[in-house]
Structure formats: C-alpha cells, structure tokens
C-alpha atoms as a PDB file:
ATOM      1  CA  MET A   1      37.661  34.588 103.781  1.00  0.00           C
ATOM      2  CA  ILE A   2      37.013  38.275 104.405  1.00  0.00           C
ATOM      3  CA  PRO A   3      39.746  39.948 106.453  1.00  0.00           C
ATOM      4  CA  ILE A   4      38.580  41.162 109.891  1.00  0.00           C
ATOM      5  CA  ARG A   5      39.558  44.798 109.128  1.00  0.00           C
ATOM      6  CA  TYR A   6      36.935  44.906 106.319  1.00  0.00           C
ATOM      7  CA  LEU A   7      34.252  43.548 108.606  1.00  0.00           C
ATOM      8  CA  MET A   8      35.164  46.177 111.260  1.00  0.00           C
ATOM      9  CA  ILE A   9      35.006  48.992 108.658  1.00  0.00           C
ATOM     10  CA  ALA A  10      31.623  47.759 107.469  1.00  0.00           C
ATOM     11  CA  GLY A  11      30.362  47.622 111.063  1.00  0.00           C
ATOM     12  CA  ILE A  12      31.524  51.178 111.790  1.00  0.00           C
ATOM     13  CA  ALA A  13      29.963  52.425 108.538  1.00  0.00           C
ATOM     14  CA  ALA A  14      26.638  50.806 109.457  1.00  0.00           C
ATOM     15  CA  LEU A  15      26.645  52.638 112.788  1.00  0.00           C
ATOM     16  CA  ALA A  16      27.002  55.956 110.923  1.00  0.00           C
ATOM     17  CA  LEU A  17      23.827  55.419 108.861  1.00  0.00           C
ATOM     18  CA  PRO A  18      20.757  57.332 110.041  1.00  0.00           C
ATOM     19  CA  SER A  19      18.131  55.182 111.666  1.00  0.00           C
ATOM     20  CA  VAL A  20      14.889  54.732 109.755  1.00  0.00           C
ATOM     21  CA  SER A  21      11.800  53.482 111.503  1.00  0.00           C
ATOM     22  CA  ALA A  22       9.725  50.618 110.148  1.00  0.00           C
ATOM     23  CA  ALA A  23       6.794  53.052 109.693  1.00  0.00           C
ATOM     24  CA  GLN A  24       8.950  55.344 107.547  1.00  0.00           C
ATOM     25  CA  VAL A  25      10.035  52.448 105.331  1.00  0.00           C
ATOM     26  CA  ALA A  26       6.469  51.137 105.016  1.00  0.00           C
ATOM     27  CA  SER A  27       4.905  54.450 104.085  1.00  0.00           C
ATOM     28  CA  GLY A  28       7.901  55.799 102.186  1.00  0.00           C
ATOM     29  CA  CYS A  29       6.957  59.125 100.690  1.00  0.00           C
ATOM     30  CA  LYS A  30       3.497  58.174  99.531  1.00  0.00           C
ATOM     31  CA  THR A  31       1.379  60.471 101.716  1.00  0.00           C
ATOM     32  CA  PRO A  32      -0.920  63.007 100.062  1.00  0.00           C
ATOM     33  CA  GLN A  33       1.422  65.758 101.262  1.00  0.00           C
ATOM     34  CA  HIS A  34       4.359  64.146  99.432  1.00  0.00           C
ATOM     35  CA  ARG A  35       2.294  64.184  96.213  1.00  0.00           C
ATOM     36  CA  GLN A  36       1.318  67.890  96.409  1.00  0.00           C
ATOM     37  CA  PHE A  37       4.048  69.041  93.999  1.00  0.00           C
ATOM     38  CA  ASP A  38       3.801  66.161  91.509  1.00  0.00           C
ATOM     39  CA  PHE A  39       1.959  68.444  89.064  1.00  0.00           C
ATOM     40  CA  TRP A  40       5.357  70.013  88.275  1.00  0.00           C
ATOM     41  CA  VAL A  41       6.942  66.655  87.278  1.00  0.00           C
ATOM     42  CA  GLY A  42       7.545  66.393  83.517  1.00  0.00           C
ATOM     43  CA  THR A  43       9.713  67.515  80.636  1.00  0.00           C
ATOM     44  CA  TRP A  44       8.947  71.117  79.774  1.00  0.00           C
ATOM     45  CA  ASP A  45       9.633  73.825  77.247  1.00  0.00           C
ATOM     46  CA  VAL A  46       9.657  77.096  79.180  1.00  0.00           C
ATOM     47  CA  PHE A  47       8.375  80.417  77.835  1.00  0.00           C
ATOM     48  CA  PRO A  48       7.864  83.855  79.338  1.00  0.00           C
ATOM     49  CA  THR A  49       4.116  83.830  80.135  1.00  0.00           C
ATOM     50  CA  GLY A  50       2.101  85.148  77.206  1.00  0.00           C
ATOM     51  CA  GLN A  51       4.959  84.822  74.743  1.00  0.00           C
ATOM     52  CA  ASP A  52       6.031  82.190  72.194  1.00  0.00           C
ATOM     53  CA  ARG A  53       9.785  82.741  72.759  1.00  0.00           C
ATOM     54  CA  LEU A  54      11.378  79.558  74.141  1.00  0.00           C
ATOM     55  CA  VAL A  55      13.819  80.393  76.925  1.00  0.00           C
ATOM     56  CA  ALA A  56      14.623  77.045  78.537  1.00  0.00           C
ATOM     57  CA  ARG A  57      14.077  73.327  78.764  1.00  0.00           C
ATOM     58  CA  SER A  58      13.343  71.965  82.240  1.00  0.00           C
ATOM     59  CA  VAL A  59      13.277  68.334  83.236  1.00  0.00           C
ATOM     60  CA  VAL A  60      11.495  67.753  86.562  1.00  0.00           C
ATOM     61  CA  GLU A  61      11.658  64.226  87.985  1.00  0.00           C
ATOM     62  CA  ASN A  62      10.172  62.397  90.938  1.00  0.00           C
ATOM     63  CA  LEU A  63      13.056  60.420  92.473  1.00  0.00           C
ATOM     64  CA  TYR A  64      14.226  58.382  95.457  1.00  0.00           C
ATOM     65  CA  GLY A  65      11.017  56.518  96.212  1.00  0.00           C
ATOM     66  CA  GLY A  66       8.881  59.610  95.694  1.00  0.00           C
ATOM     67  CA  CYS A  67      10.717  61.580  98.360  1.00  0.00           C
ATOM     68  CA  VAL A  68      12.462  64.107  96.129  1.00  0.00           C
ATOM     69  CA  ILE A  69      11.494  66.198  93.107  1.00  0.00           C
ATOM     70  CA  ARG A  70      14.535  67.270  91.127  1.00  0.00           C
ATOM     71  CA  GLU A  71      14.582  70.004  88.502  1.00  0.00           C
ATOM     72  CA  ASN A  72      17.302  70.386  85.847  1.00  0.00           C
ATOM     73  CA  TRP A  73      16.976  73.892  84.334  1.00  0.00           C
ATOM     74  CA  THR A  74      18.741  74.349  80.974  1.00  0.00           C
ATOM     75  CA  PRO A  75      18.259  77.853  79.577  1.00  0.00           C
ATOM     76  CA  LEU A  76      19.014  78.711  75.952  1.00  0.00           C
ATOM     77  CA  THR A  77      21.105  81.616  77.327  1.00  0.00           C
ATOM     78  CA  GLY A  78      22.057  82.427  80.879  1.00  0.00           C
ATOM     79  CA  THR A  79      22.813  80.298  83.902  1.00  0.00           C
ATOM     80  CA  ALA A  80      21.962  76.629  84.117  1.00  0.00           C
ATOM     81  CA  GLY A  81      20.954  75.182  87.484  1.00  0.00           C
ATOM     82  CA  GLY A  82      18.596  72.943  89.341  1.00  0.00           C
ATOM     83  CA  SER A  83      16.698  72.304  92.483  1.00  0.00           C
ATOM     84  CA  LEU A  84      15.939  69.538  94.916  1.00  0.00           C
ATOM     85  CA  ASN A  85      12.487  69.649  96.558  1.00  0.00           C
ATOM     86  CA  THR A  86      11.088  67.589  99.406  1.00  0.00           C
ATOM     87  CA  TYR A  87       8.236  67.575 101.839  1.00  0.00           C
ATOM     88  CA  ASP A  88       9.321  67.317 105.496  1.00  0.00           C
ATOM     89  CA  PRO A  89       6.684  65.646 107.663  1.00  0.00           C
ATOM     90  CA  GLU A  90       8.548  66.752 110.771  1.00  0.00           C
ATOM     91  CA  ASP A  91       7.866  70.457 110.173  1.00  0.00           C
ATOM     92  CA  GLY A  92       4.979  70.071 107.699  1.00  0.00           C
ATOM     93  CA  HIS A  93       6.591  72.249 104.979  1.00  0.00           C
ATOM     94  CA  TRP A  94       8.106  71.895 101.527  1.00  0.00           C
ATOM     95  CA  HIS A  95      11.796  72.729 101.150  1.00  0.00           C
ATOM     96  CA  GLN A  96      13.712  73.547  97.993  1.00  0.00           C
ATOM     97  CA  VAL A  97      17.412  74.106  97.504  1.00  0.00           C
ATOM     98  CA  TRP A  98      18.320  75.863  94.262  1.00  0.00           C
ATOM     99  CA  MET A  99      21.912  75.701  92.984  1.00  0.00           C
ATOM    100  CA  ASP A 100      23.324  76.985  89.732  1.00  0.00           C
ATOM    101  CA  ALA A 101      26.382  77.526  87.556  1.00  0.00           C
ATOM    102  CA  ALA A 102      26.821  81.042  89.046  1.00  0.00           C
ATOM    103  CA  ASN A 103      27.458  79.354  92.427  1.00  0.00           C
ATOM    104  CA  ALA A 104      24.122  80.503  93.845  1.00  0.00           C
ATOM    105  CA  ARG A 105      22.570  78.442  96.598  1.00  0.00           C
ATOM    106  CA  VAL A 106      19.134  79.424  97.833  1.00  0.00           C
ATOM    107  CA  LEU A 107      16.961  77.689 100.418  1.00  0.00           C
ATOM    108  CA  PHE A 108      13.242  78.054  99.905  1.00  0.00           C
ATOM    109  CA  GLU A 109      10.414  76.911 102.177  1.00  0.00           C
ATOM    110  CA  GLY A 110       6.665  76.872 101.712  1.00  0.00           C
ATOM    111  CA  ASP A 111       3.400  75.082 101.351  1.00  0.00           C
ATOM    112  CA  LEU A 112       0.532  74.238  99.042  1.00  0.00           C
ATOM    113  CA  VAL A 113      -1.851  77.203  99.313  1.00  0.00           C
ATOM    114  CA  ASP A 114      -5.207  77.086  97.465  1.00  0.00           C
ATOM    115  CA  GLY A 115      -3.826  74.454  95.099  1.00  0.00           C
ATOM    116  CA  LYS A 116      -0.627  76.436  94.332  1.00  0.00           C
ATOM    117  CA  MET A 117       2.850  75.662  95.642  1.00  0.00           C
ATOM    118  CA  VAL A 118       4.272  78.818  97.240  1.00  0.00           C
ATOM    119  CA  LEU A 119       7.989  78.812  98.196  1.00  0.00           C
ATOM    120  CA  THR A 120       9.911  81.744  99.670  1.00  0.00           C
ATOM    121  CA  GLY A 121      13.631  82.186 100.304  1.00  0.00           C
ATOM    122  CA  SER A 122      16.364  84.738 100.929  1.00  0.00           C
ATOM    123  CA  TRP A 123      18.488  85.147  97.777  1.00  0.00           C
ATOM    124  CA  LYS A 124      21.591  87.312  98.033  1.00  0.00           C
ATOM    125  CA  GLY A 125      22.386  88.862  94.673  1.00  0.00           C
ATOM    126  CA  ALA A 126      19.113  87.876  92.966  1.00  0.00           C
ATOM    127  CA  ARG A 127      18.560  91.373  91.652  1.00  0.00           C
ATOM    128  CA  LYS A 128      22.009  92.947  92.058  1.00  0.00           C
ATOM    129  CA  PRO A 129      25.307  91.821  93.563  1.00  0.00           C
ATOM    130  CA  GLY A 130      25.435  91.961  97.364  1.00  0.00           C
ATOM    131  CA  GLU A 131      21.810  92.873  97.775  1.00  0.00           C
ATOM    132  CA  GLU A 132      19.735  90.613 100.028  1.00  0.00           C
ATOM    133  CA  SER A 133      16.263  89.924  98.636  1.00  0.00           C
ATOM    134  CA  LEU A 134      13.325  87.700  99.411  1.00  0.00           C
ATOM    135  CA  VAL A 135      12.086  85.743  96.421  1.00  0.00           C
ATOM    136  CA  ARG A 136       8.616  84.165  96.443  1.00  0.00           C
ATOM    137  CA  MET A 137       7.754  81.643  93.757  1.00  0.00           C
ATOM    138  CA  THR A 138       4.224  80.437  93.045  1.00  0.00           C
ATOM    139  CA  TYR A 139       3.687  77.319  90.908  1.00  0.00           C
ATOM    140  CA  SER A 140       0.164  76.916  89.488  1.00  0.00           C
ATOM    141  CA  ARG A 141      -1.429  74.201  87.344  1.00  0.00           C
ATOM    142  CA  LEU A 142      -2.864  75.501  84.090  1.00  0.00           C
ATOM    143  CA  GLU A 143      -5.320  73.989  81.627  1.00  0.00           C
ATOM    144  CA  GLY A 144      -3.779  71.610  79.114  1.00  0.00           C
ATOM    145  CA  GLY A 145      -1.185  70.329  81.592  1.00  0.00           C
ATOM    146  CA  ALA A 146       1.014  73.427  81.683  1.00  0.00           C
ATOM    147  CA  VAL A 147       2.463  74.950  84.831  1.00  0.00           C
ATOM    148  CA  ARG A 148       2.993  78.645  85.573  1.00  0.00           C
ATOM    149  CA  GLN A 149       5.862  79.778  87.784  1.00  0.00           C
ATOM    150  CA  GLN A 150       5.564  83.351  88.945  1.00  0.00           C
ATOM    151  CA  GLY A 151       8.376  84.983  90.902  1.00  0.00           C
ATOM    152  CA  GLN A 152       8.115  88.069  93.067  1.00  0.00           C
ATOM    153  CA  ILE A 153      10.960  89.894  94.794  1.00  0.00           C
ATOM    154  CA  SER A 154      11.124  92.019  97.916  1.00  0.00           C
ATOM    155  CA  THR A 155      14.081  94.132  98.994  1.00  0.00           C
ATOM    156  CA  ASN A 156      12.396  95.264 102.226  1.00  0.00           C
ATOM    157  CA  LYS A 157      11.910  91.925 104.039  1.00  0.00           C
ATOM    158  CA  GLY A 158       8.535  91.214 102.461  1.00  0.00           C
ATOM    159  CA  VAL A 159       6.781  94.523 103.178  1.00  0.00           C
ATOM    160  CA  THR A 160       6.256  95.064  99.440  1.00  0.00           C
ATOM    161  CA  TRP A 161       6.663  92.735  96.456  1.00  0.00           C
ATOM    162  CA  GLN A 162       7.411  93.399  92.778  1.00  0.00           C
ATOM    163  CA  PRO A 163       7.178  91.027  89.800  1.00  0.00           C
ATOM    164  CA  PHE A 164      10.509  89.272  89.213  1.00  0.00           C
ATOM    165  CA  PHE A 165       9.813  86.589  86.575  1.00  0.00           C
ATOM    166  CA  ASP A 166       6.845  84.778  85.027  1.00  0.00           C
ATOM    167  CA  PHE A 167       7.274  81.527  83.137  1.00  0.00           C
ATOM    168  CA  THR A 168       4.887  79.013  81.612  1.00  0.00           C
ATOM    169  CA  TYR A 169       6.118  75.423  81.478  1.00  0.00           C
ATOM    170  CA  LYS A 170       4.541  73.649  78.527  1.00  0.00           C
ATOM    171  CA  PRO A 171       4.724  69.814  78.307  1.00  0.00           C
ATOM    172  CA  VAL A 172       7.117  68.420  75.718  1.00  0.00           C
ATOM    173  CA  ALA A 173       5.922  65.403  73.804  1.00  0.00           C
ATOM    174  CA  ILE A 174       8.714  62.852  74.203  1.00  0.00           C
ATOM    175  CA  PRO A 175       8.856  60.281  71.340  1.00  0.00           C
ATOM    176  CA  LYS A 176       8.548  56.702  72.515  1.00  0.00           C
END
C-alpha cells in the first residue's frame, strides 16, 4: 500500500505541471514553421569560410518531439558551448539561447528570411569585456549539404554592422 503522504506529494506535483492542450499534443512540433531550421541538424566539421583549417566539431540535434534543436559546439581551441533553439508559435519567432564555458548567456531571436535563418541578440562582452554589442547570425544552406553561419556585430545598436565571424559547416560522414 502506498502511504498517503506520497499520494499527496504526487498530486501537488501534478498541479505544478504546465497545462498542455489536446491540440498541442496532437500537432506536437510538426508544423512547417517548426521544421524551418532542420537544415542545420547534423554532425559537422566547421571551417572558416573559404579555408581548409578545421576549427570545431558541431553536433546539432533535433530533440524533444521536434520542438528543440540543440547544438553542441566543440572547438579545437577556445571556448566550448552550445545552444537551444525553438520556434514559438505564440509570437511567431525563433529563439536561441547560447551558453558557453566562459559563462556567456545570450538570447537571440529571429526568423526565416528568404530561406536563411537570421537571429539577433545582445551580447555583452562579445568583442571586448563590458562592451554591449548586437550580434546577428545568418545560417544559409549551401550546395552539397553544407551550412554557412555568418556573424555580424554592431556596437551602435544596429546602425552599422561589421563582419564578426564566418563559418562553413561541412557534413561529417558517420560510420554505421
């Protein structure tokens, strides 16, 4: 027999769970909008665009019923980190949170624009300690299954932008 205190704890815990409508459960995250960033899913060797110098390995997975895209960024040198990405049907935008081993946490928001995912966020210390910058990332599909991630930075609230980084993600052939 289960003691009453355990049943009461289970009942209280159930009340704390967010409510999910039947429509949300039925559709899950299978809408065309939820699939817009799937082109980034894969295991990648990452190179500065136009160069053959490997700088990182990135594993990008579609998880949690197709609701989240998770990146694990493992550079050969520098700071490891990762991101969680999701489409929010309530506001109609994509959201990314980037976190890394330097204790950075950046919130990006954006949309698919002309077939490219464009995400922008405020990143304190991106260029130099204490400096507030806007960072805009554009992810583009390339021929042969690669993905290009171009970063731009603005230190004047988006009035002007300068190149910040430019990477090409090339698919890694995983042995079966």
